[in-house]
C-alpha atoms as a PDB file:
ATOM      1  CA  UNK A   1       1.735   3.408  -7.942  1.00  0.00           C
ATOM      2  CA  UNK A   2      -0.080   0.280  -7.976  1.00  0.00           C
ATOM      3  CA  UNK A   3       0.704  -3.264  -9.806  1.00  0.00           C
ATOM      4  CA  UNK A   4      -0.950  -6.126 -10.020  1.00  0.00           C
ATOM      5  CA  UNK A   5       0.788  -8.539  -7.607  1.00  0.00           C
ATOM      6  CA  UNK A   6       1.318 -11.185 -10.573  1.00  0.00           C
ATOM      7  CA  UNK A   7       3.039  -8.301 -13.139  1.00  0.00           C
ATOM      8  CA  UNK A   8       5.060  -7.161 -10.010  1.00  0.00           C
ATOM      9  CA  UNK A   9       6.548 -10.657  -8.907  1.00  0.00           C
ATOM     10  CA  UNK A  10       7.125 -11.583 -12.537  1.00  0.00           C
ATOM     11  CA  UNK A  11       9.783  -8.556 -12.616  1.00  0.00           C
ATOM     12  CA  UNK A  12      11.844 -10.172  -9.588  1.00  0.00           C
ATOM     13  CA  UNK A  13      11.184 -13.835 -10.368  1.00  0.00           C
ATOM     14  CA  UNK A  14      12.137 -13.650 -13.671  1.00  0.00           C
ATOM     15  CA  UNK A  15      15.953 -12.700 -12.303  1.00  0.00           C
ATOM     16  CA  UNK A  16      16.516 -13.218  -8.748  1.00  0.00           C
ATOM     17  CA  UNK A  17      19.286 -10.265  -9.128  1.00  0.00           C
ATOM     18  CA  UNK A  18      16.909  -7.831  -8.923  1.00  0.00           C
ATOM     19  CA  UNK A  19      15.520  -8.562  -5.954  1.00  0.00           C
ATOM     20  CA  UNK A  20      18.062  -6.009  -4.331  1.00  0.00           C
ATOM     21  CA  UNK A  21      16.172  -3.484  -6.525  1.00  0.00           C
ATOM     22  CA  UNK A  22      13.223  -3.451  -4.025  1.00  0.00           C
ATOM     23  CA  UNK A  23      14.607  -1.059  -1.282  1.00  0.00           C
ATOM     24  CA  UNK A  24      11.331  -0.092  -0.090  1.00  0.00           C
ATOM     25  CA  UNK A  25       8.208  -2.104   1.866  1.00  0.00           C
ATOM     26  CA  UNK A  26       4.984  -2.823  -0.101  1.00  0.00           C
ATOM     27  CA  UNK A  27       1.443  -2.764   0.972  1.00  0.00           C
ATOM     28  CA  UNK A  28      -0.003  -5.481  -0.199  1.00  0.00           C
ATOM     29  CA  UNK A  29      -4.091  -5.784  -0.940  1.00  0.00           C
ATOM     30  CA  UNK A  30      -5.566  -9.437  -1.410  1.00  0.00           C
ATOM     31  CA  UNK A  31      -8.518  -9.421  -2.849  1.00  0.00           C
ATOM     32  CA  UNK A  32     -11.382 -10.882  -1.433  1.00  0.00           C
ATOM     33  CA  UNK A  33     -11.912 -14.596  -2.793  1.00  0.00           C
ATOM     34  CA  UNK A  34     -15.504 -16.340  -3.717  1.00  0.00           C
ATOM     35  CA  UNK A  35     -18.835 -14.798  -2.087  1.00  0.00           C
ATOM     36  CA  UNK A  36     -17.551 -12.828   0.237  1.00  0.00           C
ATOM     37  CA  UNK A  37     -16.139 -10.784  -2.349  1.00  0.00           C
ATOM     38  CA  UNK A  38     -19.054  -9.425  -3.663  1.00  0.00           C
ATOM     39  CA  UNK A  39     -19.363  -5.756  -3.454  1.00  0.00           C
ATOM     40  CA  UNK A  40     -15.525  -5.206  -1.997  1.00  0.00           C
ATOM     41  CA  UNK A  41     -13.695  -4.599  -4.955  1.00  0.00           C
ATOM     42  CA  UNK A  42     -11.020  -1.858  -4.838  1.00  0.00           C
ATOM     43  CA  UNK A  43     -10.455   0.797  -7.714  1.00  0.00           C
ATOM     44  CA  UNK A  44      -7.246   1.958  -8.110  1.00  0.00           C
ATOM     45  CA  UNK A  45      -5.894   4.925  -9.767  1.00  0.00           C
ATOM     46  CA  UNK A  46      -1.863   5.857  -9.403  1.00  0.00           C
ATOM     47  CA  UNK A  47      -0.901   8.681  -9.602  1.00  0.00           C
ATOM     48  CA  UNK A  48      -0.264  11.279 -12.399  1.00  0.00           C
ATOM     49  CA  UNK A  49      -2.553  12.127 -15.599  1.00  0.00           C
ATOM     50  CA  UNK A  50      -1.158   8.899 -16.989  1.00  0.00           C
ATOM     51  CA  UNK A  51      -2.110   6.570 -14.695  1.00  0.00           C
ATOM     52  CA  UNK A  52      -3.545   3.203 -15.515  1.00  0.00           C
ATOM     53  CA  UNK A  53      -7.155   2.628 -14.190  1.00  0.00           C
ATOM     54  CA  UNK A  54      -7.231  -1.057 -12.084  1.00  0.00           C
ATOM     55  CA  UNK A  55     -10.165  -2.817 -11.353  1.00  0.00           C
ATOM     56  CA  UNK A  56     -10.239  -4.867  -7.934  1.00  0.00           C
ATOM     57  CA  UNK A  57     -10.751  -8.628  -8.174  1.00  0.00           C
ATOM     58  CA  UNK A  58      -6.589  -9.549  -8.085  1.00  0.00           C
ATOM     59  CA  UNK A  59      -4.017  -8.949  -5.137  1.00  0.00           C
ATOM     60  CA  UNK A  60      -2.655  -5.432  -5.516  1.00  0.00           C
ATOM     61  CA  UNK A  61       1.290  -3.842  -4.754  1.00  0.00           C
ATOM     62  CA  UNK A  62       1.889  -0.496  -3.604  1.00  0.00           C
ATOM     63  CA  UNK A  63       5.559  -0.067  -3.096  1.00  0.00           C
ATOM     64  CA  UNK A  64       6.226   2.851  -0.170  1.00  0.00           C
ATOM     65  CA  UNK A  65       7.535   5.343  -2.777  1.00  0.00           C
ATOM     66  CA  UNK A  66       6.813   9.366  -3.516  1.00  0.00           C
ATOM     67  CA  UNK A  67       4.484   9.311  -6.679  1.00  0.00           C
ATOM     68  CA  UNK A  68       4.886  11.331  -9.579  1.00  0.00           C
ATOM     69  CA  UNK A  69       2.451  13.812  -8.803  1.00  0.00           C
ATOM     70  CA  UNK A  70       4.009  17.275  -8.883  1.00  0.00           C
ATOM     71  CA  UNK A  71       0.788  18.208  -7.103  1.00  0.00           C
ATOM     72  CA  UNK A  72       1.729  16.670  -3.984  1.00  0.00           C
ATOM     73  CA  UNK A  73       3.407  19.243  -1.724  1.00  0.00           C
ATOM     74  CA  UNK A  74       3.882  16.856   0.892  1.00  0.00           C
ATOM     75  CA  UNK A  75       7.276  15.923   1.115  1.00  0.00           C
ATOM     76  CA  UNK A  76       8.276  14.591   4.250  1.00  0.00           C
ATOM     77  CA  UNK A  77       6.918  11.187   3.433  1.00  0.00           C
ATOM     78  CA  UNK A  78       4.646   8.895   1.196  1.00  0.00           C
ATOM     79  CA  UNK A  79       0.556   9.837   1.484  1.00  0.00           C
ATOM     80  CA  UNK A  80      -2.275   7.480   1.020  1.00  0.00           C
ATOM     81  CA  UNK A  81      -5.623   9.055   0.143  1.00  0.00           C
ATOM     82  CA  UNK A  82      -8.608   8.788  -2.790  1.00  0.00           C
ATOM     83  CA  UNK A  83      -7.400  11.968  -4.717  1.00  0.00           C
ATOM     84  CA  UNK A  84      -4.836  11.805  -7.409  1.00  0.00           C
ATOM     85  CA  UNK A  85      -2.559  14.276  -5.959  1.00  0.00           C
ATOM     86  CA  UNK A  86      -1.749  11.547  -3.272  1.00  0.00           C
ATOM     87  CA  UNK A  87       1.354   9.253  -3.751  1.00  0.00           C
ATOM     88  CA  UNK A  88      -0.587   5.955  -3.033  1.00  0.00           C
ATOM     89  CA  UNK A  89      -4.338   6.591  -4.223  1.00  0.00           C
ATOM     90  CA  UNK A  90      -6.765   4.273  -3.123  1.00  0.00           C
ATOM     91  CA  UNK A  91     -10.523   5.616  -5.000  1.00  0.00           C
ATOM     92  CA  UNK A  92     -12.588   3.935  -2.515  1.00  0.00           C
ATOM     93  CA  UNK A  93     -15.755   5.663  -0.631  1.00  0.00           C
ATOM     94  CA  UNK A  94     -14.250   5.301   2.957  1.00  0.00           C
ATOM     95  CA  UNK A  95     -10.385   6.470   2.091  1.00  0.00           C
ATOM     96  CA  UNK A  96     -10.498  10.420   2.679  1.00  0.00           C
ATOM     97  CA  UNK A  97      -9.193  12.612   0.187  1.00  0.00           C
ATOM     98  CA  UNK A  98      -5.584  13.058   2.213  1.00  0.00           C
ATOM     99  CA  UNK A  99      -5.998   9.872   4.726  1.00  0.00           C
ATOM    100  CA  UNK A 100      -2.545   8.988   5.984  1.00  0.00           C
ATOM    101  CA  UNK A 101       1.338   9.046   5.503  1.00  0.00           C
ATOM    102  CA  UNK A 102       3.910   7.030   5.793  1.00  0.00           C
ATOM    103  CA  UNK A 103       7.569   8.196   7.593  1.00  0.00           C
ATOM    104  CA  UNK A 104      11.016   6.612   7.607  1.00  0.00           C
ATOM    105  CA  UNK A 105      13.397   7.261  10.257  1.00  0.00           C
ATOM    106  CA  UNK A 106      16.515   8.252   8.230  1.00  0.00           C
ATOM    107  CA  UNK A 107      18.339   7.218  11.398  1.00  0.00           C
ATOM    108  CA  UNK A 108      17.075   4.033  12.515  1.00  0.00           C
ATOM    109  CA  UNK A 109      15.617   3.234   8.709  1.00  0.00           C
ATOM    110  CA  UNK A 110      12.525   2.378  10.796  1.00  0.00           C
ATOM    111  CA  UNK A 111       8.628   2.878   9.594  1.00  0.00           C
ATOM    112  CA  UNK A 112       5.391   4.710  11.108  1.00  0.00           C
ATOM    113  CA  UNK A 113       2.368   5.572   9.333  1.00  0.00           C
ATOM    114  CA  UNK A 114       0.500   8.479  10.606  1.00  0.00           C
ATOM    115  CA  UNK A 115      -3.251   9.312  10.388  1.00  0.00           C
ATOM    116  CA  UNK A 116      -3.930  12.663   8.574  1.00  0.00           C
ATOM    117  CA  UNK A 117      -6.931  13.061  10.724  1.00  0.00           C
ATOM    118  CA  UNK A 118      -9.112  10.858   8.006  1.00  0.00           C
ATOM    119  CA  UNK A 119     -12.825  10.655   8.255  1.00  0.00           C
ATOM    120  CA  UNK A 120     -12.843   6.772   8.870  1.00  0.00           C
ATOM    121  CA  UNK A 121      -9.983   6.496  10.705  1.00  0.00           C
ATOM    122  CA  UNK A 122      -6.578   4.355  10.354  1.00  0.00           C
ATOM    123  CA  UNK A 123      -5.375   0.933  11.939  1.00  0.00           C
ATOM    124  CA  UNK A 124      -1.923  -0.160  12.501  1.00  0.00           C
ATOM    125  CA  UNK A 125      -2.922  -3.901  13.526  1.00  0.00           C
ATOM    126  CA  UNK A 126      -5.811  -3.936  16.056  1.00  0.00           C
ATOM    127  CA  UNK A 127      -4.866  -0.650  17.180  1.00  0.00           C
ATOM    128  CA  UNK A 128      -7.424   2.571  16.034  1.00  0.00           C
ATOM    129  CA  UNK A 129      -4.746   5.683  15.637  1.00  0.00           C
ATOM    130  CA  UNK A 130      -5.972   8.930  17.230  1.00  0.00           C
ATOM    131  CA  UNK A 131      -6.491  11.675  14.814  1.00  0.00           C
ATOM    132  CA  UNK A 132      -3.520  12.835  13.818  1.00  0.00           C
ATOM    133  CA  UNK A 133      -1.349  10.382  15.584  1.00  0.00           C
ATOM    134  CA  UNK A 134       1.474   7.938  14.788  1.00  0.00           C
ATOM    135  CA  UNK A 135       1.994   4.136  14.624  1.00  0.00           C
ATOM    136  CA  UNK A 136       5.032   2.204  14.441  1.00  0.00           C
ATOM    137  CA  UNK A 137       5.325  -0.397  11.621  1.00  0.00           C
ATOM    138  CA  UNK A 138       6.216  -4.351  12.005  1.00  0.00           C
ATOM    139  CA  UNK A 139       6.492  -6.514   8.826  1.00  0.00           C
ATOM    140  CA  UNK A 140       3.658  -8.481   7.848  1.00  0.00           C
ATOM    141  CA  UNK A 141       1.310  -6.265  10.272  1.00  0.00           C
ATOM    142  CA  UNK A 142      -2.113  -5.707   8.857  1.00  0.00           C
ATOM    143  CA  UNK A 143      -3.088  -2.257   8.335  1.00  0.00           C
ATOM    144  CA  UNK A 144      -6.475  -0.369   7.580  1.00  0.00           C
ATOM    145  CA  UNK A 145      -7.485   2.895   6.000  1.00  0.00           C
ATOM    146  CA  UNK A 146     -11.537   3.410   6.387  1.00  0.00           C
ATOM    147  CA  UNK A 147     -12.555  -0.180   5.011  1.00  0.00           C
ATOM    148  CA  UNK A 148      -9.326  -1.041   2.684  1.00  0.00           C
ATOM    149  CA  UNK A 149      -6.967  -3.914   4.723  1.00  0.00           C
ATOM    150  CA  UNK A 150      -3.862  -3.803   3.418  1.00  0.00           C
ATOM    151  CA  UNK A 151      -0.227  -6.100   4.614  1.00  0.00           C
ATOM    152  CA  UNK A 152       2.656  -4.051   5.448  1.00  0.00           C
ATOM    153  CA  UNK A 153       5.476  -6.459   4.091  1.00  0.00           C
ATOM    154  CA  UNK A 154       9.538  -5.815   4.133  1.00  0.00           C
ATOM    155  CA  UNK A 155      10.922  -6.870   0.648  1.00  0.00           C
ATOM    156  CA  UNK A 156      12.283 -10.133   2.388  1.00  0.00           C
ATOM    157  CA  UNK A 157       9.129 -10.708   3.618  1.00  0.00           C
ATOM    158  CA  UNK A 158       7.251  -9.947   0.121  1.00  0.00           C
ATOM    159  CA  UNK A 159       9.630 -12.125  -1.806  1.00  0.00           C
ATOM    160  CA  UNK A 160       8.930 -15.180   0.829  1.00  0.00           C
ATOM    161  CA  UNK A 161       5.099 -14.468   0.416  1.00  0.00           C
ATOM    162  CA  UNK A 162       5.643 -14.946  -3.694  1.00  0.00           C
ATOM    163  CA  UNK A 163       7.690 -18.170  -2.985  1.00  0.00           C
ATOM    164  CA  UNK A 164       5.175 -19.412  -0.732  1.00  0.00           C
ATOM    165  CA  UNK A 165       2.190 -18.661  -3.371  1.00  0.00           C
ATOM    166  CA  UNK A 166       4.431 -20.206  -6.321  1.00  0.00           C
ATOM    167  CA  UNK A 167       5.010 -23.464  -3.985  1.00  0.00           C
ATOM    168  CA  UNK A 168       1.205 -23.931  -3.611  1.00  0.00           C
ATOM    169  CA  UNK A 169       0.126 -24.039  -7.686  1.00  0.00           C
END
């Protein structure tokens, strides 16, 4: 489920001991700034019938967790797509209904991203994945689903990112 960066980070800033609760990486979507943001909003509808509708314009965080949808029959990984039965819902015209999915190796704990034969493509860094292909993920790598770009952050990197933002203000 997506959350506004400020709201998500505030929970961990209020009590540093809570940081151990974030056991999964996050995807960070930074809202475009200034004139570059014209027409580049991201409408987000978290999975589940009670999910709140969020309109892009500020940074958003997507923890890589299975969502609450009971309509998601894909149990192997964390799904990304335009429809509400995905774990991470990106309501954007360039995103396929079922666009891609994340897998975590149970032995090595490494994450991979698999393109689910999406129409507009999936990128890991500068590499566009072939339809159905897998890409290995590294901390702080840029990902792209259709026209939507995000950053993959391991928990420690996410907290460093938030600390840099706080110290810059």
